[in-house]
């Protein structure tokens, strides 16, 4: 899960050194992390890299002006939700109207009053915090508190893209509680819910970089960034053992187990997609179920076989 109360980031994009110094002085002592950019190009790059909560944007930038830069920010899915406050020496009502129509949330006129500046930045940060809370809640599973399927799908697209761009490993783990229907039938649905909650606690209690999601029903997905299949298998095996070791109050003799299927990006090269990873991890999970459950199986061999067949077909 993300940090609950991270220090919010504010990016000031203004080509005036004096204004940058004034903003730093006026906002000193506020609970925020202030970054600066001296040109529209630098501002666009930093907005994508930092993903600040708020941008303080000068209209009169050289080259690409503030209006044009705002349009660029709103066109990009990575930056469109950043709150933008225009800072300008212009008192023209039409500049305010244009800025607000383009998606800015506020407008501060130079020379700005220190108290007004702080109040408007605080207001923007509060609004962004509430928006993020609402977005996060829409991506959480109500029972387990893990990320839900919607978040899983979005994050897989992002992680596969990053893995391809930076040539780094990525492993996907699918976990399925064994014979879950039987547990529900024998002990009741409230107990089944408690099983899912406990399994979720174990899956989310591993490495801080691992992303645990409830994929659906009694199935879970773990996205392991910068992790190859060997390390991913070790992670899955530790989780499997932890689930098997749970002592259930009122049912001390009961052993609940889970099966795991793993796939990584190594054998796919640039041909990898989230859908292919999911398909191969699911095949490995099926193999684990067929082999007796309560085990970890890798899709590495099946992926190699698939690519071998593909190469044979292309050479015919």
C-alpha atoms as a PDB file:
ATOM      1  CA  UNK A   1       0.000   0.000   0.000  1.00  0.00           C
ATOM      2  CA  UNK A   2       1.041   3.573  -0.548  1.00  0.00           C
ATOM      3  CA  UNK A   3       2.304   5.699   2.322  1.00  0.00           C
ATOM      4  CA  UNK A   4      -0.678   7.179   4.147  1.00  0.00           C
ATOM      5  CA  UNK A   5       0.616  10.722   4.681  1.00  0.00           C
ATOM      6  CA  UNK A   6       3.446  11.462   2.267  1.00  0.00           C
ATOM      7  CA  UNK A   7       4.757  15.013   2.120  1.00  0.00           C
ATOM      8  CA  UNK A   8       2.980  16.640  -0.851  1.00  0.00           C
ATOM      9  CA  UNK A   9       5.090  17.987  -3.706  1.00  0.00           C
ATOM     10  CA  UNK A  10       4.629  21.371  -5.326  1.00  0.00           C
ATOM     11  CA  UNK A  11       6.359  22.297  -8.596  1.00  0.00           C
ATOM     12  CA  UNK A  12       6.910  25.964  -9.406  1.00  0.00           C
ATOM     13  CA  UNK A  13       7.407  26.609 -13.140  1.00  0.00           C
ATOM     14  CA  UNK A  14       8.614  30.190 -13.616  1.00  0.00           C
ATOM     15  CA  UNK A  15      11.575  31.585 -15.543  1.00  0.00           C
ATOM     16  CA  UNK A  16      12.133  34.396 -13.024  1.00  0.00           C
ATOM     17  CA  UNK A  17      14.798  33.662 -10.416  1.00  0.00           C
ATOM     18  CA  UNK A  18      13.267  36.362  -8.189  1.00  0.00           C
ATOM     19  CA  UNK A  19       9.825  34.697  -8.256  1.00  0.00           C
ATOM     20  CA  UNK A  20      11.351  31.312  -7.539  1.00  0.00           C
ATOM     21  CA  UNK A  21      13.151  32.759  -4.507  1.00  0.00           C
ATOM     22  CA  UNK A  22       9.993  34.515  -3.335  1.00  0.00           C
ATOM     23  CA  UNK A  23       7.971  31.312  -3.591  1.00  0.00           C
ATOM     24  CA  UNK A  24      10.613  29.404  -1.653  1.00  0.00           C
ATOM     25  CA  UNK A  25      10.619  32.088   1.067  1.00  0.00           C
ATOM     26  CA  UNK A  26       6.833  32.458   1.263  1.00  0.00           C
ATOM     27  CA  UNK A  27       6.181  28.727   1.390  1.00  0.00           C
ATOM     28  CA  UNK A  28       8.940  27.941   3.863  1.00  0.00           C
ATOM     29  CA  UNK A  29       7.496  26.267   6.926  1.00  0.00           C
ATOM     30  CA  UNK A  30       4.563  24.782   5.027  1.00  0.00           C
ATOM     31  CA  UNK A  31       4.245  21.001   4.992  1.00  0.00           C
ATOM     32  CA  UNK A  32       5.275  20.526   1.377  1.00  0.00           C
ATOM     33  CA  UNK A  33       8.260  19.745  -0.792  1.00  0.00           C
ATOM     34  CA  UNK A  34       8.927  22.591  -3.231  1.00  0.00           C
ATOM     35  CA  UNK A  35      10.602  21.919  -6.582  1.00  0.00           C
ATOM     36  CA  UNK A  36      11.401  24.429  -9.289  1.00  0.00           C
ATOM     37  CA  UNK A  37      11.683  24.555 -13.085  1.00  0.00           C
ATOM     38  CA  UNK A  38      12.915  27.552 -15.068  1.00  0.00           C
ATOM     39  CA  UNK A  39      11.435  26.731 -18.467  1.00  0.00           C
ATOM     40  CA  UNK A  40       8.343  25.086 -19.927  1.00  0.00           C
ATOM     41  CA  UNK A  41      10.367  22.139 -21.249  1.00  0.00           C
ATOM     42  CA  UNK A  42      12.010  21.539 -17.882  1.00  0.00           C
ATOM     43  CA  UNK A  43       8.651  21.974 -16.176  1.00  0.00           C
ATOM     44  CA  UNK A  44       7.023  19.347 -18.397  1.00  0.00           C
ATOM     45  CA  UNK A  45       9.824  16.870 -17.717  1.00  0.00           C
ATOM     46  CA  UNK A  46       9.703  17.433 -13.962  1.00  0.00           C
ATOM     47  CA  UNK A  47       5.911  17.199 -13.889  1.00  0.00           C
ATOM     48  CA  UNK A  48       6.135  13.719 -15.446  1.00  0.00           C
ATOM     49  CA  UNK A  49       9.004  12.618 -13.222  1.00  0.00           C
ATOM     50  CA  UNK A  50       7.800  14.043  -9.895  1.00  0.00           C
ATOM     51  CA  UNK A  51       4.012  13.863 -10.402  1.00  0.00           C
ATOM     52  CA  UNK A  52       3.491  16.708  -7.918  1.00  0.00           C
ATOM     53  CA  UNK A  53       0.140  17.347  -6.299  1.00  0.00           C
ATOM     54  CA  UNK A  54       0.185  21.022  -7.329  1.00  0.00           C
ATOM     55  CA  UNK A  55       1.930  23.064 -10.034  1.00  0.00           C
ATOM     56  CA  UNK A  56       2.392  26.828  -9.687  1.00  0.00           C
ATOM     57  CA  UNK A  57       2.581  27.927 -13.312  1.00  0.00           C
ATOM     58  CA  UNK A  58       3.620  31.264 -14.793  1.00  0.00           C
ATOM     59  CA  UNK A  59       1.674  32.327 -17.882  1.00  0.00           C
ATOM     60  CA  UNK A  60       4.461  34.362 -19.484  1.00  0.00           C
ATOM     61  CA  UNK A  61       7.041  31.653 -20.078  1.00  0.00           C
ATOM     62  CA  UNK A  62       9.404  31.936 -23.052  1.00  0.00           C
ATOM     63  CA  UNK A  63       8.858  29.447 -25.856  1.00  0.00           C
ATOM     64  CA  UNK A  64       5.812  27.456 -24.811  1.00  0.00           C
ATOM     65  CA  UNK A  65       3.686  29.801 -22.682  1.00  0.00           C
ATOM     66  CA  UNK A  66       1.744  28.739 -19.596  1.00  0.00           C
ATOM     67  CA  UNK A  67      -1.506  28.154 -21.480  1.00  0.00           C
ATOM     68  CA  UNK A  68       0.227  25.891 -23.999  1.00  0.00           C
ATOM     69  CA  UNK A  69       2.034  24.022 -21.247  1.00  0.00           C
ATOM     70  CA  UNK A  70      -1.241  23.488 -19.373  1.00  0.00           C
ATOM     71  CA  UNK A  71      -2.761  21.986 -22.523  1.00  0.00           C
ATOM     72  CA  UNK A  72       0.199  19.588 -22.758  1.00  0.00           C
ATOM     73  CA  UNK A  73      -0.242  18.583 -19.117  1.00  0.00           C
ATOM     74  CA  UNK A  74      -3.952  17.895 -19.579  1.00  0.00           C
ATOM     75  CA  UNK A  75      -3.355  15.819 -22.721  1.00  0.00           C
ATOM     76  CA  UNK A  76      -1.033  13.407 -20.885  1.00  0.00           C
ATOM     77  CA  UNK A  77      -2.617  10.710 -18.689  1.00  0.00           C
ATOM     78  CA  UNK A  78       0.397  10.890 -16.344  1.00  0.00           C
ATOM     79  CA  UNK A  79      -0.075  14.603 -15.575  1.00  0.00           C
ATOM     80  CA  UNK A  80      -3.696  15.499 -16.342  1.00  0.00           C
ATOM     81  CA  UNK A  81      -4.855  15.166 -12.724  1.00  0.00           C
ATOM     82  CA  UNK A  82      -2.219  17.502 -11.261  1.00  0.00           C
ATOM     83  CA  UNK A  83      -3.812  20.656  -9.832  1.00  0.00           C
ATOM     84  CA  UNK A  84      -2.487  23.771 -11.606  1.00  0.00           C
ATOM     85  CA  UNK A  85      -2.547  27.267 -10.119  1.00  0.00           C
ATOM     86  CA  UNK A  86      -1.622  30.061 -12.518  1.00  0.00           C
ATOM     87  CA  UNK A  87       0.657  32.812 -11.229  1.00  0.00           C
ATOM     88  CA  UNK A  88       0.665  35.882 -13.446  1.00  0.00           C
ATOM     89  CA  UNK A  89       1.315  39.602 -13.450  1.00  0.00           C
ATOM     90  CA  UNK A  90      -1.744  40.039 -15.665  1.00  0.00           C
ATOM     91  CA  UNK A  91      -5.043  41.326 -14.281  1.00  0.00           C
ATOM     92  CA  UNK A  92      -6.867  40.623 -17.531  1.00  0.00           C
ATOM     93  CA  UNK A  93     -10.160  38.820 -16.815  1.00  0.00           C
ATOM     94  CA  UNK A  94      -9.871  36.904 -20.090  1.00  0.00           C
ATOM     95  CA  UNK A  95      -6.549  35.404 -18.969  1.00  0.00           C
ATOM     96  CA  UNK A  96      -8.287  34.059 -15.868  1.00  0.00           C
ATOM     97  CA  UNK A  97     -11.183  32.744 -17.937  1.00  0.00           C
ATOM     98  CA  UNK A  98      -8.869  31.060 -20.438  1.00  0.00           C
ATOM     99  CA  UNK A  99      -6.768  29.487 -17.692  1.00  0.00           C
ATOM    100  CA  UNK A 100      -9.794  28.113 -15.848  1.00  0.00           C
ATOM    101  CA  UNK A 101     -11.345  26.845 -19.092  1.00  0.00           C
ATOM    102  CA  UNK A 102      -8.137  24.959 -19.863  1.00  0.00           C
ATOM    103  CA  UNK A 103      -8.282  23.200 -16.490  1.00  0.00           C
ATOM    104  CA  UNK A 104      -6.434  25.395 -13.970  1.00  0.00           C
ATOM    105  CA  UNK A 105      -8.069  25.376 -10.525  1.00  0.00           C
ATOM    106  CA  UNK A 106      -6.960  28.823  -9.327  1.00  0.00           C
ATOM    107  CA  UNK A 107      -5.262  32.073 -10.317  1.00  0.00           C
ATOM    108  CA  UNK A 108      -2.856  34.194  -8.243  1.00  0.00           C
ATOM    109  CA  UNK A 109      -1.815  37.665  -9.369  1.00  0.00           C
ATOM    110  CA  UNK A 110       1.756  38.953  -8.979  1.00  0.00           C
ATOM    111  CA  UNK A 111       2.928  40.479  -6.737  1.00  0.00           C
ATOM    112  CA  UNK A 112       1.254  37.894  -4.526  1.00  0.00           C
ATOM    113  CA  UNK A 113       0.393  38.246  -0.865  1.00  0.00           C
ATOM    114  CA  UNK A 114       2.172  35.653   1.276  1.00  0.00           C
ATOM    115  CA  UNK A 115      -0.926  34.722   3.292  1.00  0.00           C
ATOM    116  CA  UNK A 116      -3.096  34.415   0.185  1.00  0.00           C
ATOM    117  CA  UNK A 117      -0.469  32.269  -1.551  1.00  0.00           C
ATOM    118  CA  UNK A 118      -0.240  29.888   1.401  1.00  0.00           C
ATOM    119  CA  UNK A 119      -4.021  29.684   1.751  1.00  0.00           C
ATOM    120  CA  UNK A 120      -4.557  28.902  -1.946  1.00  0.00           C
ATOM    121  CA  UNK A 121      -1.790  26.281  -2.022  1.00  0.00           C
ATOM    122  CA  UNK A 122      -3.154  24.654   1.152  1.00  0.00           C
ATOM    123  CA  UNK A 123      -6.639  24.600  -0.360  1.00  0.00           C
ATOM    124  CA  UNK A 124      -5.350  22.960  -3.543  1.00  0.00           C
ATOM    125  CA  UNK A 125      -3.424  20.353  -1.555  1.00  0.00           C
ATOM    126  CA  UNK A 126      -6.475  19.536   0.570  1.00  0.00           C
ATOM    127  CA  UNK A 127      -8.584  19.070  -2.545  1.00  0.00           C
ATOM    128  CA  UNK A 128      -5.968  16.832  -4.153  1.00  0.00           C
ATOM    129  CA  UNK A 129      -5.709  14.769  -0.974  1.00  0.00           C
ATOM    130  CA  UNK A 130      -9.469  14.180  -0.934  1.00  0.00           C
ATOM    131  CA  UNK A 131      -9.501  13.295  -4.639  1.00  0.00           C
ATOM    132  CA  UNK A 132      -6.709  10.764  -4.121  1.00  0.00           C
ATOM    133  CA  UNK A 133      -8.512   9.237  -1.147  1.00  0.00           C
ATOM    134  CA  UNK A 134     -11.625   8.757  -3.256  1.00  0.00           C
ATOM    135  CA  UNK A 135      -9.599   7.290  -6.136  1.00  0.00           C
ATOM    136  CA  UNK A 136      -7.791   4.940  -3.767  1.00  0.00           C
ATOM    137  CA  UNK A 137     -11.002   3.731  -2.131  1.00  0.00           C
ATOM    138  CA  UNK A 138     -12.406   2.935  -5.563  1.00  0.00           C
ATOM    139  CA  UNK A 139      -9.385   0.685  -6.125  1.00  0.00           C
ATOM    140  CA  UNK A 140      -9.505  -1.200  -2.817  1.00  0.00           C
ATOM    141  CA  UNK A 141     -11.205  -4.502  -2.144  1.00  0.00           C
ATOM    142  CA  UNK A 142     -13.812  -4.014   0.563  1.00  0.00           C
ATOM    143  CA  UNK A 143     -13.240  -7.336   2.364  1.00  0.00           C
ATOM    144  CA  UNK A 144      -9.468  -7.748   2.371  1.00  0.00           C
ATOM    145  CA  UNK A 145      -8.239  -4.162   2.040  1.00  0.00           C
ATOM    146  CA  UNK A 146      -5.944  -5.191  -0.822  1.00  0.00           C
ATOM    147  CA  UNK A 147      -5.884  -3.465  -4.179  1.00  0.00           C
ATOM    148  CA  UNK A 148      -8.756  -4.721  -6.355  1.00  0.00           C
ATOM    149  CA  UNK A 149      -8.907  -6.139  -9.892  1.00  0.00           C
ATOM    150  CA  UNK A 150      -9.262  -2.688 -11.445  1.00  0.00           C
ATOM    151  CA  UNK A 151      -6.021  -1.530  -9.820  1.00  0.00           C
ATOM    152  CA  UNK A 152      -4.307  -4.822 -10.687  1.00  0.00           C
ATOM    153  CA  UNK A 153      -5.089  -4.409 -14.400  1.00  0.00           C
ATOM    154  CA  UNK A 154      -3.881  -0.791 -14.442  1.00  0.00           C
ATOM    155  CA  UNK A 155      -0.722  -1.568 -12.501  1.00  0.00           C
ATOM    156  CA  UNK A 156       0.177  -4.527 -14.715  1.00  0.00           C
ATOM    157  CA  UNK A 157       0.068  -2.292 -17.795  1.00  0.00           C
ATOM    158  CA  UNK A 158       2.344   0.201 -16.032  1.00  0.00           C
ATOM    159  CA  UNK A 159       4.782  -2.393 -14.676  1.00  0.00           C
ATOM    160  CA  UNK A 160       5.127  -4.289 -17.971  1.00  0.00           C
ATOM    161  CA  UNK A 161       5.795  -0.996 -19.761  1.00  0.00           C
ATOM    162  CA  UNK A 162       8.455  -0.040 -17.200  1.00  0.00           C
ATOM    163  CA  UNK A 163      10.050  -3.488 -17.366  1.00  0.00           C
ATOM    164  CA  UNK A 164      10.334  -3.251 -21.149  1.00  0.00           C
ATOM    165  CA  UNK A 165      11.594   0.335 -21.113  1.00  0.00           C
ATOM    166  CA  UNK A 166      14.299  -0.263 -18.515  1.00  0.00           C
ATOM    167  CA  UNK A 167      15.065  -3.906 -19.397  1.00  0.00           C
ATOM    168  CA  UNK A 168      14.421  -5.060 -15.853  1.00  0.00           C
ATOM    169  CA  UNK A 169      12.752  -8.268 -14.644  1.00  0.00           C
ATOM    170  CA  UNK A 170       9.129  -8.488 -13.572  1.00  0.00           C
ATOM    171  CA  UNK A 171       7.386 -11.483 -12.026  1.00  0.00           C
ATOM    172  CA  UNK A 172       3.672 -12.143 -11.684  1.00  0.00           C
ATOM    173  CA  UNK A 173       2.376 -14.542  -9.043  1.00  0.00           C
ATOM    174  CA  UNK A 174      -1.179 -15.880  -8.947  1.00  0.00           C
ATOM    175  CA  UNK A 175      -2.367 -17.454  -5.690  1.00  0.00           C
ATOM    176  CA  UNK A 176      -5.549 -19.481  -5.238  1.00  0.00           C
ATOM    177  CA  UNK A 177      -6.887 -20.797  -1.920  1.00  0.00           C
ATOM    178  CA  UNK A 178      -7.253 -24.564  -2.250  1.00  0.00           C
ATOM    179  CA  UNK A 179     -10.720 -26.109  -2.004  1.00  0.00           C
ATOM    180  CA  UNK A 180     -12.240 -22.826  -0.925  1.00  0.00           C
ATOM    181  CA  UNK A 181     -15.791 -23.850  -1.815  1.00  0.00           C
ATOM    182  CA  UNK A 182     -15.466 -26.826   0.507  1.00  0.00           C
ATOM    183  CA  UNK A 183     -14.361 -24.505   3.319  1.00  0.00           C
ATOM    184  CA  UNK A 184     -17.410 -22.304   2.736  1.00  0.00           C
ATOM    185  CA  UNK A 185     -19.748 -25.286   2.641  1.00  0.00           C
ATOM    186  CA  UNK A 186     -18.283 -26.911   5.746  1.00  0.00           C
ATOM    187  CA  UNK A 187     -17.642 -23.907   7.997  1.00  0.00           C
ATOM    188  CA  UNK A 188     -19.889 -21.214   6.543  1.00  0.00           C
ATOM    189  CA  UNK A 189     -19.293 -18.023   4.566  1.00  0.00           C
ATOM    190  CA  UNK A 190     -18.199 -15.890   7.562  1.00  0.00           C
ATOM    191  CA  UNK A 191     -15.340 -18.342   8.122  1.00  0.00           C
ATOM    192  CA  UNK A 192     -14.564 -18.236   4.406  1.00  0.00           C
ATOM    193  CA  UNK A 193     -14.326 -14.459   4.640  1.00  0.00           C
ATOM    194  CA  UNK A 194     -11.943 -14.740   7.589  1.00  0.00           C
ATOM    195  CA  UNK A 195      -9.768 -17.110   5.526  1.00  0.00           C
ATOM    196  CA  UNK A 196      -9.568 -14.563   2.706  1.00  0.00           C
ATOM    197  CA  UNK A 197      -8.751 -11.781   5.180  1.00  0.00           C
ATOM    198  CA  UNK A 198      -5.967 -13.790   6.826  1.00  0.00           C
ATOM    199  CA  UNK A 199      -4.470 -14.878   3.507  1.00  0.00           C
ATOM    200  CA  UNK A 200      -4.567 -11.244   2.358  1.00  0.00           C
ATOM    201  CA  UNK A 201      -2.667 -10.183   5.490  1.00  0.00           C
ATOM    202  CA  UNK A 202       0.070 -12.692   4.734  1.00  0.00           C
ATOM    203  CA  UNK A 203       0.312 -11.754   1.048  1.00  0.00           C
ATOM    204  CA  UNK A 204       0.542  -8.044   1.859  1.00  0.00           C
ATOM    205  CA  UNK A 205       3.022  -8.555   4.699  1.00  0.00           C
ATOM    206  CA  UNK A 206       6.002  -9.467   2.549  1.00  0.00           C
ATOM    207  CA  UNK A 207       8.460  -7.134   0.841  1.00  0.00           C
ATOM    208  CA  UNK A 208       7.392  -3.494   0.731  1.00  0.00           C
ATOM    209  CA  UNK A 209       7.924  -3.342  -3.044  1.00  0.00           C
ATOM    210  CA  UNK A 210       5.517  -6.233  -3.739  1.00  0.00           C
ATOM    211  CA  UNK A 211       2.003  -5.307  -4.891  1.00  0.00           C
ATOM    212  CA  UNK A 212      -0.688  -7.602  -3.512  1.00  0.00           C
ATOM    213  CA  UNK A 213      -4.166  -7.529  -5.093  1.00  0.00           C
ATOM    214  CA  UNK A 214      -7.371  -9.495  -4.794  1.00  0.00           C
ATOM    215  CA  UNK A 215      -7.850 -10.752  -8.327  1.00  0.00           C
ATOM    216  CA  UNK A 216     -11.307 -12.182  -7.737  1.00  0.00           C
ATOM    217  CA  UNK A 217     -13.071 -14.659  -5.427  1.00  0.00           C
ATOM    218  CA  UNK A 218     -10.412 -16.698  -3.632  1.00  0.00           C
ATOM    219  CA  UNK A 219      -7.690 -15.749  -6.142  1.00  0.00           C
ATOM    220  CA  UNK A 220      -4.961 -13.175  -5.542  1.00  0.00           C
ATOM    221  CA  UNK A 221      -2.285 -11.570  -7.692  1.00  0.00           C
ATOM    222  CA  UNK A 222       1.159 -10.363  -6.652  1.00  0.00           C
ATOM    223  CA  UNK A 223       3.199  -8.097  -8.903  1.00  0.00           C
ATOM    224  CA  UNK A 224       6.894  -8.363  -8.065  1.00  0.00           C
ATOM    225  CA  UNK A 225       8.830  -5.481  -9.631  1.00  0.00           C
ATOM    226  CA  UNK A 226      12.537  -5.900 -10.444  1.00  0.00           C
ATOM    227  CA  UNK A 227      12.259  -9.590  -9.505  1.00  0.00           C
ATOM    228  CA  UNK A 228      13.244 -12.609 -11.584  1.00  0.00           C
ATOM    229  CA  UNK A 229      11.407 -15.901 -11.459  1.00  0.00           C
ATOM    230  CA  UNK A 230      13.925 -17.535  -9.107  1.00  0.00           C
ATOM    231  CA  UNK A 231      13.501 -14.828  -6.474  1.00  0.00           C
ATOM    232  CA  UNK A 232       9.767 -14.760  -7.149  1.00  0.00           C
ATOM    233  CA  UNK A 233       9.568 -18.503  -6.500  1.00  0.00           C
ATOM    234  CA  UNK A 234      11.294 -18.018  -3.154  1.00  0.00           C
ATOM    235  CA  UNK A 235       8.801 -15.300  -2.233  1.00  0.00           C
ATOM    236  CA  UNK A 236       5.869 -17.519  -3.231  1.00  0.00           C
ATOM    237  CA  UNK A 237       7.244 -20.495  -1.295  1.00  0.00           C
ATOM    238  CA  UNK A 238       7.573 -18.403   1.891  1.00  0.00           C
ATOM    239  CA  UNK A 239       3.989 -17.224   1.464  1.00  0.00           C
ATOM    240  CA  UNK A 240       2.757 -20.767   0.796  1.00  0.00           C
ATOM    241  CA  UNK A 241       4.391 -22.012   4.006  1.00  0.00           C
ATOM    242  CA  UNK A 242       2.997 -19.094   6.013  1.00  0.00           C
ATOM    243  CA  UNK A 243      -0.551 -19.824   4.825  1.00  0.00           C
ATOM    244  CA  UNK A 244      -0.180 -23.526   5.564  1.00  0.00           C
ATOM    245  CA  UNK A 245       1.019 -22.693   9.104  1.00  0.00           C
ATOM    246  CA  UNK A 246      -1.997 -20.580  10.101  1.00  0.00           C
ATOM    247  CA  UNK A 247      -3.712 -21.818  13.274  1.00  0.00           C
ATOM    248  CA  UNK A 248      -7.468 -21.286  13.037  1.00  0.00           C
ATOM    249  CA  UNK A 249      -9.273 -20.434  16.304  1.00  0.00           C
ATOM    250  CA  UNK A 250     -11.923 -23.058  17.025  1.00  0.00           C
ATOM    251  CA  UNK A 251     -10.486 -25.351  14.332  1.00  0.00           C
ATOM    252  CA  UNK A 252      -6.954 -26.203  15.520  1.00  0.00           C
ATOM    253  CA  UNK A 253      -6.704 -29.294  13.294  1.00  0.00           C
ATOM    254  CA  UNK A 254      -7.708 -27.461  10.121  1.00  0.00           C
ATOM    255  CA  UNK A 255      -4.971 -26.778   7.567  1.00  0.00           C
ATOM    256  CA  UNK A 256      -5.777 -24.245   4.832  1.00  0.00           C
ATOM    257  CA  UNK A 257      -3.442 -24.253   1.849  1.00  0.00           C
ATOM    258  CA  UNK A 258      -2.949 -22.285  -1.344  1.00  0.00           C
ATOM    259  CA  UNK A 259      -1.452 -22.973  -4.761  1.00  0.00           C
ATOM    260  CA  UNK A 260       0.796 -20.573  -6.681  1.00  0.00           C
ATOM    261  CA  UNK A 261       1.542 -20.041 -10.365  1.00  0.00           C
ATOM    262  CA  UNK A 262       4.425 -17.835 -11.503  1.00  0.00           C
ATOM    263  CA  UNK A 263       5.467 -16.184 -14.748  1.00  0.00           C
ATOM    264  CA  UNK A 264       8.188 -13.614 -15.481  1.00  0.00           C
ATOM    265  CA  UNK A 265       9.180 -11.422 -18.434  1.00  0.00           C
ATOM    266  CA  UNK A 266      12.555 -12.977 -19.221  1.00  0.00           C
ATOM    267  CA  UNK A 267      11.569 -15.361 -22.017  1.00  0.00           C
ATOM    268  CA  UNK A 268       9.219 -13.011 -23.837  1.00  0.00           C
ATOM    269  CA  UNK A 269      11.549 -10.110 -24.663  1.00  0.00           C
ATOM    270  CA  UNK A 270       9.744  -7.185 -26.301  1.00  0.00           C
ATOM    271  CA  UNK A 271       6.806  -9.447 -27.121  1.00  0.00           C
ATOM    272  CA  UNK A 272       5.580  -9.425 -23.512  1.00  0.00           C
ATOM    273  CA  UNK A 273       2.135  -8.065 -22.611  1.00  0.00           C
ATOM    274  CA  UNK A 274       0.105  -8.125 -19.368  1.00  0.00           C
ATOM    275  CA  UNK A 275      -2.320 -10.542 -21.027  1.00  0.00           C
ATOM    276  CA  UNK A 276       0.450 -12.997 -21.905  1.00  0.00           C
ATOM    277  CA  UNK A 277       1.895 -12.855 -18.412  1.00  0.00           C
ATOM    278  CA  UNK A 278      -1.516 -13.449 -16.884  1.00  0.00           C
ATOM    279  CA  UNK A 279      -2.234 -16.368 -19.216  1.00  0.00           C
ATOM    280  CA  UNK A 280       1.054 -18.079 -18.406  1.00  0.00           C
ATOM    281  CA  UNK A 281       0.824 -17.491 -14.654  1.00  0.00           C
ATOM    282  CA  UNK A 282      -2.692 -18.945 -14.791  1.00  0.00           C
ATOM    283  CA  UNK A 283      -1.381 -21.999 -16.674  1.00  0.00           C
ATOM    284  CA  UNK A 284       1.260 -22.485 -13.984  1.00  0.00           C
ATOM    285  CA  UNK A 285      -1.416 -22.175 -11.297  1.00  0.00           C
ATOM    286  CA  UNK A 286      -3.489 -24.834 -13.075  1.00  0.00           C
ATOM    287  CA  UNK A 287      -0.393 -27.047 -13.163  1.00  0.00           C
ATOM    288  CA  UNK A 288       0.030 -26.579  -9.391  1.00  0.00           C
ATOM    289  CA  UNK A 289      -3.607 -27.586  -8.826  1.00  0.00           C
ATOM    290  CA  UNK A 290      -3.268 -30.643 -11.067  1.00  0.00           C
ATOM    291  CA  UNK A 291      -0.071 -31.717  -9.301  1.00  0.00           C
ATOM    292  CA  UNK A 292      -1.813 -31.931  -5.929  1.00  0.00           C
ATOM    293  CA  UNK A 293      -2.266 -28.316  -4.742  1.00  0.00           C
ATOM    294  CA  UNK A 294      -0.342 -26.539  -1.957  1.00  0.00           C
ATOM    295  CA  UNK A 295       2.659 -25.993  -4.210  1.00  0.00           C
ATOM    296  CA  UNK A 296       4.444 -23.387  -6.344  1.00  0.00           C
ATOM    297  CA  UNK A 297       4.732 -23.961 -10.087  1.00  0.00           C
ATOM    298  CA  UNK A 298       6.555 -21.880 -12.694  1.00  0.00           C
ATOM    299  CA  UNK A 299       5.438 -21.121 -16.246  1.00  0.00           C
ATOM    300  CA  UNK A 300       9.053 -20.832 -17.446  1.00  0.00           C
ATOM    301  CA  UNK A 301       9.089 -24.228 -19.181  1.00  0.00           C
ATOM    302  CA  UNK A 302       5.705 -23.703 -20.851  1.00  0.00           C
ATOM    303  CA  UNK A 303       6.773 -20.279 -22.110  1.00  0.00           C
ATOM    304  CA  UNK A 304       9.936 -21.731 -23.637  1.00  0.00           C
ATOM    305  CA  UNK A 305       7.899 -24.439 -25.357  1.00  0.00           C
ATOM    306  CA  UNK A 306       5.436 -21.892 -26.724  1.00  0.00           C
ATOM    307  CA  UNK A 307       8.211 -19.696 -28.159  1.00  0.00           C
ATOM    308  CA  UNK A 308       9.949 -22.729 -29.629  1.00  0.00           C
ATOM    309  CA  UNK A 309       6.785 -23.708 -31.468  1.00  0.00           C
ATOM    310  CA  UNK A 310       6.374 -20.116 -32.668  1.00  0.00           C
ATOM    311  CA  UNK A 311       9.940 -20.089 -34.047  1.00  0.00           C
ATOM    312  CA  UNK A 312       9.398 -23.414 -35.796  1.00  0.00           C
ATOM    313  CA  UNK A 313       6.263 -22.119 -37.481  1.00  0.00           C
ATOM    314  CA  UNK A 314       7.977 -18.934 -38.661  1.00  0.00           C
ATOM    315  CA  UNK A 315      10.870 -20.953 -40.164  1.00  0.00           C
ATOM    316  CA  UNK A 316       8.601 -23.220 -42.204  1.00  0.00           C
END
